[in-house]
Structures are given as structure tokens and as C-alpha cells.
Amino acid sequence: MTIVLAKLGSPEQVGQFALGLAIAAPVFMFATLRLRDVQATDAKQEYQFGDYFALRLTTTVIAFVVVAFIAFLSGYHMQMILIILATAASKSAEAVSDALYGLFMQHERLDRIAKSMIMKGPLQLAGLGFVFYFTGSIFWAVIAISLARLSILLTYDLRNAIKSLNPGFSPSGLLPKNMPRPRWNAATMKKLVMLTLPLGVVTMLISFNTNIPRYFIDGYLGAYALGIFAAIASFQKVAPTVVQALGRSASPRLAKYYGAGNVKAFRRLTLQLIGIGGLLAGGGVTVALLFGRQILILFYGPEYAMPGLFALLMLAAGIDYIATMFLFVITSARYFRIQLPLHLLTASTVALAGFLLIPSFGLKGAALSLIVGNLVRASGGMTIAWHAHRALHRQVKESKVQATMETSINQI
């Protein structure tokens, strides 16, 4: 989508698109409360799908209102406000689909998520490109994205949610027994909020970390520079699609291994995930160093050809891939609350680095601030994952000792 906007529009318009996402994304990331991952790792079935769905609908409405509030108080011109609101609408449709994805993950039906994304991606791209070509408006282009997401939600995602809730169900004119409806239970929702609130803050901070340099760029350097930065940084989003897919595929299995006390299987799968993250990181940096200028000119044009910035951004992204894999591991081990101080530290580091580096080093300073912040996050994630592994090993060892003692007592 960024490539289409860069080819058909100007860097300023790419900057408007990026700014709309930078404002709306952190709010909606917080509103998700990471419910999809919590649901997928809910191996003991502590909550029903309706509980997760009710909370997701509630937080989505609140998120839209908050983004609208920010947009009208931001001081931006009306065109930018409309772009922000349209972005919030697209994020709302995405949030509801995400709730259904959690259901698919819990049943280990990743194929349904994959097919949904396969249909949604080209439809969004076609809608954005077609509308922007004929209108030249970022607002209407984002509205097209919203409609694409809504259409997949109401057709494919909803139909498969019904199938997941009703195994063996086939359409026969009768309504299925279980429909994907919210379960409005105040006590349960409150309990679920208390469980997931730290994860919501963590997810917001992750999105915020990515967008902090963009706020500084918009303030110090303007929309044109933000458009250049956002276009080059969009290549960071390629590998995370693989990282997120692998991490979310492995999360239910990791949770089962951890809950069952299978130390070797948990460690093996953890190392496999980290290894894949490292390979993706190395590949991205290598490609940027060898072919960075050619890639940027091919996809965007000569004015975007900044290979040094490209290499730094891919290095920041590579560290982020590894940190994200650690995040999946510690979430599967149900280490929720410890993630909040880690990501507060990361956000503070990125903000401080951006404040110090961007005025002096420009766009490269923004990339350096991301590198520093991601190093903090990866180091912290590795430490927590090591602690989770040691705790599991100690728990299993104590259980064996206790079982041996009980056997001895029974023999006596």
C-alpha cells in the first residue's frame, strides 16, 4: 500500500497516511489487550469465547472514541482529522476480525486465519489503489481499506467462527446451536480485564515504540521527511508477517508444553523460534547492504534512495524480530505482568534516544533510536524467557522429588 501511494502520490501524502496510522495504531493496539494470544494460550479453558468477544467489542468502541477525541484536539486541519477517523474505522474492523482469529488459534485452525489474510490483503490493496488513483484522496483510500476489511469479516471470518463453535455443523436452513455472540458478564469481564490489562499496555507500547520516532520527525522535519521515512520503514513489515505467523502458530503448543511441564519440548521450540528470528534478521540486513539503493529506486523512485537509512532500519527490524519471538515465548508461559516494566523501559529509551538523536542526525537518528530501543527489549525478553525456563525446570524437578517421597512413604 505504501508503494502504491508513493508511486501515485507524493511523499507528503505518504506522510499523511503514516501519521494516521501512527495516531490510531497505539490506541487500538492497547484496546486489543492481546486477547487473541491470551485466548490461544488458554489451555485450561478458563474463559468462554463470548467473554473474549464481549471485551473486544467494548474496547473497540472505546478505542474509536479515544482516537476521535485525539484527532479533534490535535490541532490538525480537517483533512488530516478525517484521515485519522477513517484509519480508526479500518482498525475497528480489523479488531473484530482479530477476536475471531483468537478462536481459530485456540482450535489450531491457522489455515482459516491464513485464508482470511490472503483474501483481505489483495482486496485492501486493490481498493486503496483504485480509489486513490481516481480521487487522489488519502481519506477515501483509507475508507476503501475499511470496506475491504469489513467485507471479509462479515463473510469469511464470521462463517468460519460459526464452524469453529459448532464442529460438524453444515448449513441446513437451521441456525447453529452456538453463534459467535458476546457474553455480557460484568464480573467475568472485570476479571479478564485485570488479567489482560498489562498485555494491553505492553502492546500499545510496542506500537508506540515504532511510532515515537515518527512523532519527532513530523514535529522537527515535517510531512515530507515523514513520508520518506515511512516509505523506507515499510520494508520492516515484510518479515514480521512471517514472525507473527510462526509465533502465533507456536504459542498454543508452547503453552501446552509449559503447562504439562515438558521442559525439553518447550526449550526446543523456543530455540527454533529464536533461530528463525535470527535468520530473518540476518537476511534483511544483508539484502539492505547489498541491494538497498536498487530496491528503493525500483519501488519508490530516486528521491527515496537512502541506502544507509535502509540498512539501519533493517537492523532495527532484525533485532525486533528476535525480541518478538521472545515475547511469544514468555506470553505462552503466562508471564504477563513482567512485560509491562520491560516495555515501559523500551519506550522511554526510544523516546530519549529520538529526542537526542533526531534533531542532530535527522532520519538516521530516528533509525538509531529504534535500534537502541529494540536492543533493550530483546535483552529483557531473553532474560525473562530464561527465568521462565528455569522456573519450569525447577517445578518439574520438585514434582519428581515429591512423587518419589510419596512412593517411599506408601511403601513403608
Protein backbone atom coordinates (compact mmCIF):
# COMPACT_ATOMS: atom_id res chain seq x y z
CA MET A 1 0.00 0.00 0.00
CA THR A 2 2.86 2.35 0.78
CA ILE A 3 4.42 1.61 -2.60
CA VAL A 4 1.14 2.40 -4.38
CA LEU A 5 0.78 5.70 -2.54
CA ALA A 6 4.42 6.60 -3.26
CA LYS A 7 4.00 5.82 -6.97
CA LEU A 8 0.66 7.57 -7.42
CA GLY A 9 1.04 10.39 -4.89
CA SER A 10 3.67 12.49 -3.13
CA PRO A 11 5.85 11.96 -0.05
CA GLU A 12 3.54 14.37 1.79
CA GLN A 13 0.57 12.09 1.12
CA VAL A 14 2.56 9.05 2.23
CA GLY A 15 3.33 11.05 5.36
CA GLN A 16 -0.39 11.72 5.95
CA PHE A 17 -1.14 8.01 5.62
CA ALA A 18 1.69 7.16 8.04
CA LEU A 19 0.61 9.82 10.54
CA GLY A 20 -2.95 8.50 10.58
CA LEU A 21 -1.61 5.05 11.44
CA ALA A 22 0.84 6.46 13.98
CA ILE A 23 -2.01 8.11 15.90
CA ALA A 24 -4.64 5.35 15.64
CA ALA A 25 -2.46 2.23 15.90
CA PRO A 26 -1.19 2.57 19.51
CA VAL A 27 -4.71 3.19 20.83
CA PHE A 28 -6.16 0.17 19.04
CA MET A 29 -3.17 -1.98 19.97
CA PHE A 30 -3.89 -1.19 23.61
CA ALA A 31 -7.59 -1.94 23.09
CA THR A 32 -6.81 -5.44 21.83
CA LEU A 33 -5.44 -6.33 25.30
CA ARG A 34 -3.63 -9.13 23.44
CA LEU A 35 -6.87 -11.11 23.81
CA ARG A 36 -6.05 -13.22 20.76
CA ASP A 37 -2.86 -14.55 22.35
CA VAL A 38 -4.45 -14.95 25.78
CA GLN A 39 -7.32 -16.92 24.25
CA ALA A 40 -4.96 -19.08 22.18
CA THR A 41 -2.90 -19.98 25.27
CA ASP A 42 -5.95 -20.55 27.49
CA ALA A 43 -5.22 -24.28 27.63
CA LYS A 44 -7.44 -24.79 30.70
CA GLN A 45 -10.48 -23.07 29.11
CA GLU A 46 -10.83 -20.57 31.95
CA TYR A 47 -12.98 -18.25 29.80
CA GLN A 48 -15.52 -18.76 27.03
CA PHE A 49 -15.26 -17.25 23.56
CA GLY A 50 -18.21 -14.96 24.39
CA ASP A 51 -16.21 -13.44 27.26
CA TYR A 52 -13.31 -12.56 24.97
CA PHE A 53 -15.68 -11.30 22.26
CA ALA A 54 -17.66 -9.06 24.63
CA LEU A 55 -14.50 -7.45 25.94
CA ARG A 56 -13.12 -6.96 22.43
CA LEU A 57 -16.30 -5.22 21.21
CA THR A 58 -16.27 -2.96 24.26
CA THR A 59 -12.64 -1.95 23.93
CA THR A 60 -13.00 -1.38 20.17
CA VAL A 61 -15.79 1.15 20.68
CA ILE A 62 -13.79 2.90 23.39
CA ALA A 63 -10.70 2.97 21.15
CA PHE A 64 -12.61 4.62 18.29
CA VAL A 65 -13.95 7.30 20.64
CA VAL A 66 -10.47 7.95 22.07
CA VAL A 67 -8.90 8.28 18.60
CA ALA A 68 -11.67 10.67 17.55
CA PHE A 69 -11.06 12.69 20.71
CA ILE A 70 -7.32 12.87 19.98
CA ALA A 71 -7.96 13.84 16.35
CA PHE A 72 -10.20 16.78 17.19
CA LEU A 73 -7.89 18.04 19.94
CA SER A 74 -4.69 17.60 17.93
CA GLY A 75 -4.90 20.89 16.06
CA TYR A 76 -4.63 19.22 12.66
CA HIS A 77 -6.59 20.54 9.68
CA MET A 78 -9.92 18.89 8.84
CA GLN A 79 -8.46 16.75 6.04
CA MET A 80 -5.98 15.14 8.45
CA ILE A 81 -8.71 14.66 11.07
CA LEU A 82 -10.85 12.78 8.53
CA ILE A 83 -7.88 10.57 7.61
CA ILE A 84 -7.36 9.72 11.29
CA LEU A 85 -11.06 8.86 11.72
CA ALA A 86 -11.03 6.69 8.59
CA THR A 87 -7.96 4.90 9.91
CA ALA A 88 -9.78 4.30 13.20
CA ALA A 89 -12.70 2.79 11.28
CA SER A 90 -10.38 0.40 9.45
CA LYS A 91 -8.72 -0.55 12.72
CA SER A 92 -12.14 -1.25 14.26
CA ALA A 93 -12.99 -3.81 11.57
CA GLU A 94 -9.54 -5.34 11.98
CA ALA A 95 -10.00 -5.59 15.77
CA VAL A 96 -13.25 -7.56 15.48
CA SER A 97 -11.66 -9.96 12.97
CA ASP A 98 -8.76 -10.37 15.39
CA ALA A 99 -11.19 -11.63 18.04
CA LEU A 100 -12.34 -14.35 15.66
CA TYR A 101 -8.71 -15.15 14.82
CA GLY A 102 -8.20 -15.91 18.51
CA LEU A 103 -10.96 -18.51 18.27
CA PHE A 104 -9.30 -20.07 15.22
CA MET A 105 -5.94 -20.16 17.01
CA GLN A 106 -7.43 -21.84 20.05
CA HIS A 107 -8.71 -24.63 17.78
CA GLU A 108 -5.33 -24.66 15.96
CA ARG A 109 -7.02 -23.73 12.68
CA LEU A 110 -4.36 -21.37 11.43
CA ASP A 111 -5.43 -22.19 7.87
CA ARG A 112 -8.59 -20.13 8.41
CA ILE A 113 -6.55 -17.11 9.50
CA ALA A 114 -4.22 -17.59 6.55
CA LYS A 115 -7.04 -17.72 4.01
CA SER A 116 -8.69 -14.67 5.55
CA MET A 117 -5.48 -12.68 5.29
CA ILE A 118 -4.82 -13.96 1.77
CA MET A 119 -8.20 -12.61 0.65
CA LYS A 120 -8.04 -9.44 2.70
CA GLY A 121 -4.57 -8.32 1.61
CA PRO A 122 -5.13 -8.06 -2.16
CA LEU A 123 -8.64 -6.69 -1.65
CA GLN A 124 -7.32 -3.88 0.57
CA LEU A 125 -4.53 -3.11 -1.86
CA ALA A 126 -6.84 -3.07 -4.87
CA GLY A 127 -9.37 -0.90 -3.07
CA LEU A 128 -6.77 1.60 -1.93
CA GLY A 129 -5.06 1.77 -5.33
CA PHE A 130 -8.28 2.08 -7.34
CA VAL A 131 -9.85 4.74 -5.13
CA PHE A 132 -6.65 6.76 -4.70
CA TYR A 133 -5.99 6.70 -8.46
CA PHE A 134 -9.40 8.21 -9.24
CA THR A 135 -9.79 10.54 -6.24
CA GLY A 136 -6.25 11.44 -5.19
CA SER A 137 -7.60 11.41 -1.63
CA ILE A 138 -5.95 9.57 1.26
CA PHE A 139 -9.24 9.75 3.18
CA TRP A 140 -11.24 7.87 0.56
CA ALA A 141 -8.38 5.42 0.03
CA VAL A 142 -8.44 4.52 3.74
CA ILE A 143 -12.24 4.21 3.60
CA ALA A 144 -11.72 1.63 0.85
CA ILE A 145 -9.41 -0.31 3.18
CA SER A 146 -12.12 -0.22 5.86
CA LEU A 147 -14.73 -1.61 3.48
CA ALA A 148 -12.39 -4.39 2.35
CA ARG A 149 -11.76 -5.47 5.94
CA LEU A 150 -15.45 -5.28 6.82
CA SER A 151 -16.47 -7.39 3.83
CA ILE A 152 -14.08 -10.24 4.78
CA LEU A 153 -15.19 -10.01 8.41
CA LEU A 154 -18.89 -10.34 7.58
CA THR A 155 -18.42 -13.15 5.09
CA TYR A 156 -15.46 -15.48 5.52
CA ASP A 157 -14.44 -14.77 9.15
CA LEU A 158 -17.95 -14.91 10.59
CA ARG A 159 -18.83 -18.08 8.70
CA ASN A 160 -15.74 -19.88 9.97
CA ALA A 161 -16.30 -18.65 13.51
CA ILE A 162 -19.67 -20.42 13.40
CA LYS A 163 -17.93 -23.58 12.19
CA SER A 164 -15.36 -23.38 14.99
CA LEU A 165 -18.08 -23.06 17.63
CA ASN A 166 -20.14 -25.84 16.07
CA PRO A 167 -17.87 -28.73 14.99
CA GLY A 168 -19.51 -30.83 12.31
CA PHE A 169 -22.13 -28.18 11.57
CA SER A 170 -23.30 -27.91 7.95
CA PRO A 171 -25.78 -25.31 6.68
CA SER A 172 -29.24 -26.87 6.52
CA GLY A 173 -31.58 -23.95 7.00
CA LEU A 174 -31.38 -24.23 10.79
CA LEU A 175 -29.42 -21.86 12.97
CA PRO A 176 -26.39 -23.45 14.63
CA LYS A 177 -26.52 -24.03 18.36
CA ASN A 178 -23.60 -21.73 19.18
CA MET A 179 -23.28 -18.36 17.50
CA PRO A 180 -20.28 -16.00 17.85
CA ARG A 181 -22.06 -13.64 20.21
CA PRO A 182 -20.72 -11.68 23.17
CA ARG A 183 -21.34 -12.89 26.72
CA TRP A 184 -22.01 -9.84 28.85
CA ASN A 185 -20.96 -10.87 32.33
CA ALA A 186 -19.60 -7.92 34.29
CA ALA A 187 -17.71 -9.98 36.88
CA THR A 188 -16.05 -12.16 34.24
CA MET A 189 -15.15 -9.19 32.05
CA LYS A 190 -13.61 -7.41 35.01
CA LYS A 191 -11.53 -10.46 35.84
CA LEU A 192 -10.43 -10.80 32.23
CA VAL A 193 -9.52 -7.10 32.08
CA MET A 194 -7.35 -7.44 35.18
CA LEU A 195 -5.58 -10.40 33.56
CA THR A 196 -5.01 -8.77 30.17
CA LEU A 197 -4.59 -5.09 31.05
CA PRO A 198 -0.79 -5.33 31.42
CA LEU A 199 -0.64 -7.00 28.00
CA GLY A 200 -2.77 -4.23 26.50
CA VAL A 201 -0.37 -1.61 27.81
CA VAL A 202 2.56 -3.69 26.56
CA THR A 203 1.06 -3.99 23.07
CA MET A 204 0.36 -0.26 22.98
CA LEU A 205 3.95 0.42 23.98
CA ILE A 206 5.24 -1.88 21.24
CA SER A 207 3.25 0.10 18.66
CA PHE A 208 4.18 3.33 20.39
CA ASN A 209 7.88 2.41 20.23
CA THR A 210 7.64 2.08 16.45
CA ASN A 211 5.79 5.38 16.11
CA ILE A 212 7.71 7.56 18.60
CA PRO A 213 10.37 8.49 16.01
CA ARG A 214 7.58 9.42 13.58
CA TYR A 215 6.16 11.95 16.01
CA PHE A 216 9.59 13.56 16.33
CA ILE A 217 10.10 13.51 12.56
CA ASP A 218 6.72 15.15 11.95
CA GLY A 219 7.49 17.79 14.56
CA TYR A 220 11.11 18.52 13.63
CA LEU A 221 11.32 17.71 9.91
CA GLY A 222 7.75 17.83 8.54
CA ALA A 223 5.41 15.61 6.50
CA TYR A 224 7.78 15.26 3.51
CA ALA A 225 10.55 13.73 5.65
CA LEU A 226 7.98 11.57 7.44
CA GLY A 227 6.79 10.26 4.08
CA ILE A 228 10.34 9.31 3.07
CA PHE A 229 10.97 7.61 6.41
CA ALA A 230 7.63 5.77 6.44
CA ALA A 231 8.12 4.50 2.89
CA ILE A 232 11.58 3.07 3.60
CA ALA A 233 10.47 1.74 7.01
CA SER A 234 7.58 -0.12 5.38
CA PHE A 235 10.06 -2.82 4.35
CA GLN A 236 10.30 -3.63 8.06
CA LYS A 237 6.75 -5.01 7.80
CA VAL A 238 7.61 -7.82 5.38
CA ALA A 239 9.36 -10.29 7.68
CA PRO A 240 7.12 -9.59 10.72
CA THR A 241 4.30 -11.21 8.76
CA VAL A 242 6.33 -14.43 8.93
CA VAL A 243 7.41 -13.78 12.53
CA GLN A 244 3.84 -13.21 13.72
CA ALA A 245 2.55 -16.23 11.81
CA LEU A 246 5.20 -18.55 13.23
CA GLY A 247 4.95 -17.12 16.73
CA ARG A 248 1.17 -17.39 16.87
CA SER A 249 1.29 -20.88 15.36
CA ALA A 250 3.71 -21.98 18.06
CA SER A 251 2.03 -20.20 21.01
CA PRO A 252 -0.69 -22.81 21.72
CA ARG A 253 1.89 -25.60 21.52
CA LEU A 254 4.35 -23.72 23.74
CA ALA A 255 1.57 -23.13 26.30
CA LYS A 256 0.73 -26.85 26.33
CA TYR A 257 4.38 -27.82 26.78
CA TYR A 258 4.80 -25.35 29.62
CA GLY A 259 1.56 -26.38 31.32
CA ALA A 260 2.48 -30.07 31.03
CA GLY A 261 5.98 -29.49 32.39
CA ASN A 262 7.66 -30.71 29.19
CA VAL A 263 10.95 -28.82 29.64
CA LYS A 264 12.80 -30.30 26.66
CA ALA A 265 9.99 -29.66 24.17
CA PHE A 266 9.47 -26.13 25.49
CA ARG A 267 13.19 -25.35 25.20
CA ARG A 268 13.49 -26.91 21.75
CA LEU A 269 10.59 -24.96 20.27
CA THR A 270 11.82 -21.76 21.92
CA LEU A 271 15.26 -22.13 20.36
CA GLN A 272 13.71 -22.88 16.97
CA LEU A 273 11.68 -19.66 17.10
CA ILE A 274 14.67 -17.55 18.15
CA GLY A 275 16.79 -19.16 15.44
CA ILE A 276 14.23 -18.31 12.76
CA GLY A 277 14.07 -14.73 14.05
CA GLY A 278 17.86 -14.50 13.81
CA LEU A 279 17.91 -15.86 10.25
CA LEU A 280 15.27 -13.36 9.13
CA ALA A 281 17.23 -10.55 10.81
CA GLY A 282 20.47 -11.50 9.09
CA GLY A 283 18.78 -11.86 5.72
CA GLY A 284 17.12 -8.46 5.91
CA VAL A 285 20.31 -6.62 6.82
CA THR A 286 22.30 -8.45 4.13
CA VAL A 287 19.80 -7.57 1.39
CA ALA A 288 19.73 -3.92 2.52
CA LEU A 289 23.53 -3.66 2.44
CA LEU A 290 23.93 -5.32 -0.96
CA PHE A 291 20.90 -4.07 -2.89
CA GLY A 292 19.44 -1.24 -0.81
CA ARG A 293 19.77 1.58 -3.37
CA GLN A 294 18.44 -0.51 -6.25
CA ILE A 295 15.45 -1.70 -4.22
CA LEU A 296 14.47 1.80 -3.09
CA ILE A 297 14.73 3.27 -6.59
CA LEU A 298 12.79 0.35 -8.08
CA PHE A 299 9.89 0.51 -5.61
CA TYR A 300 9.71 4.23 -4.81
CA GLY A 301 11.95 6.37 -7.03
CA PRO A 302 15.25 8.29 -6.81
CA GLU A 303 14.06 10.72 -4.10
CA TYR A 304 13.67 7.77 -1.71
CA ALA A 305 17.15 6.34 -2.40
CA MET A 306 18.76 6.43 1.06
CA PRO A 307 20.52 3.05 1.40
CA GLY A 308 22.26 3.96 4.66
CA LEU A 309 18.93 4.68 6.33
CA PHE A 310 17.51 1.49 4.80
CA ALA A 311 20.30 -0.64 6.31
CA LEU A 312 19.86 0.92 9.76
CA LEU A 313 16.09 0.36 9.66
CA MET A 314 16.52 -3.27 8.66
CA LEU A 315 18.98 -3.75 11.53
CA ALA A 316 16.40 -2.28 13.91
CA ALA A 317 13.78 -4.58 12.41
CA GLY A 318 16.03 -7.63 12.76
CA ILE A 319 16.52 -7.03 16.46
CA ASP A 320 12.76 -6.55 16.75
CA TYR A 321 12.12 -9.96 15.12
CA ILE A 322 14.17 -11.69 17.82
CA ALA A 323 12.54 -9.65 20.59
CA THR A 324 9.09 -10.55 19.25
CA MET A 325 9.89 -14.26 19.33
CA PHE A 326 10.91 -13.91 22.97
CA LEU A 327 7.62 -12.12 23.60
CA PHE A 328 5.63 -15.08 22.25
CA VAL A 329 7.63 -17.43 24.47
CA ILE A 330 7.06 -15.53 27.71
CA THR A 331 3.39 -14.95 26.86
CA SER A 332 2.94 -18.70 26.34
CA ALA A 333 4.45 -19.21 29.79
CA ARG A 334 1.78 -16.77 31.11
CA TYR A 335 4.38 -14.19 32.15
CA PHE A 336 2.10 -11.21 31.63
CA ARG A 337 2.82 -8.57 34.25
CA ILE A 338 6.60 -8.54 33.90
CA GLN A 339 6.21 -7.41 30.28
CA LEU A 340 4.88 -4.01 31.34
CA PRO A 341 8.04 -2.65 33.02
CA LEU A 342 10.14 -4.06 30.18
CA HIS A 343 8.20 -2.18 27.53
CA LEU A 344 7.96 0.98 29.62
CA LEU A 345 11.76 0.92 29.76
CA THR A 346 11.90 0.30 25.99
CA ALA A 347 9.51 3.18 25.19
CA SER A 348 11.43 5.53 27.47
CA THR A 349 14.68 4.53 25.78
CA VAL A 350 13.31 5.13 22.28
CA ALA A 351 11.82 8.49 23.28
CA LEU A 352 15.03 9.68 24.92
CA ALA A 353 17.17 8.47 22.00
CA GLY A 354 14.82 10.11 19.49
CA PHE A 355 14.84 13.38 21.41
CA LEU A 356 18.63 13.41 21.45
CA LEU A 357 19.44 11.98 18.02
CA ILE A 358 16.77 13.13 15.54
CA PRO A 359 17.49 16.90 15.75
CA SER A 360 21.19 16.24 15.07
CA PHE A 361 21.16 13.20 12.77
CA GLY A 362 17.76 13.52 11.10
CA LEU A 363 16.21 10.34 9.74
CA LYS A 364 19.27 8.24 10.61
CA GLY A 365 18.85 9.41 14.19
CA ALA A 366 15.29 8.05 14.11
CA ALA A 367 16.58 4.68 12.94
CA LEU A 368 19.27 4.65 15.64
CA SER A 369 16.67 5.34 18.32
CA LEU A 370 14.76 2.24 17.17
CA ILE A 371 17.95 0.14 17.28
CA VAL A 372 18.69 1.19 20.86
CA GLY A 373 15.12 0.55 22.00
CA ASN A 374 14.89 -2.86 20.33
CA LEU A 375 18.17 -3.94 21.93
CA VAL A 376 16.68 -3.16 25.33
CA ARG A 377 13.52 -5.12 24.51
CA ALA A 378 15.37 -8.15 23.13
CA SER A 379 17.73 -8.29 26.12
CA GLY A 380 14.85 -8.07 28.58
CA GLY A 381 12.82 -10.68 26.70
CA MET A 382 15.75 -13.09 26.70
CA THR A 383 16.20 -12.65 30.45
CA ILE A 384 12.51 -13.29 31.20
CA ALA A 385 12.41 -16.33 28.88
CA TRP A 386 15.47 -17.77 30.64
CA HIS A 387 13.77 -17.23 34.01
CA ALA A 388 10.59 -18.95 32.75
CA HIS A 389 12.62 -21.93 31.57
CA ARG A 390 14.47 -22.20 34.88
CA ALA A 391 11.21 -21.92 36.83
CA LEU A 392 9.67 -24.74 34.77
CA HIS A 393 12.75 -26.92 35.22
CA ARG A 394 12.72 -26.32 38.98
CA GLN A 395 8.98 -27.06 39.19
CA VAL A 396 9.36 -30.36 37.33
CA LYS A 397 12.31 -31.36 39.50
CA GLU A 398 10.40 -30.60 42.71
CA SER A 399 7.41 -32.57 41.44
CA LYS A 400 9.61 -35.60 40.79
CA VAL A 401 11.15 -35.37 44.24
CA GLN A 402 7.73 -35.10 45.84
CA ALA A 403 6.43 -38.07 43.82
CA THR A 404 9.47 -40.16 44.92
CA MET A 405 8.90 -39.27 48.57
CA GLU A 406 5.22 -40.17 48.35
CA THR A 407 6.13 -43.51 46.76
CA SER A 408 8.62 -44.22 49.52
CA ILE A 409 6.09 -43.34 52.22
CA ASN A 410 3.49 -45.61 50.62
CA GLN A 411 5.98 -48.48 50.50
CA ILE A 412 6.80 -48.02 54.16
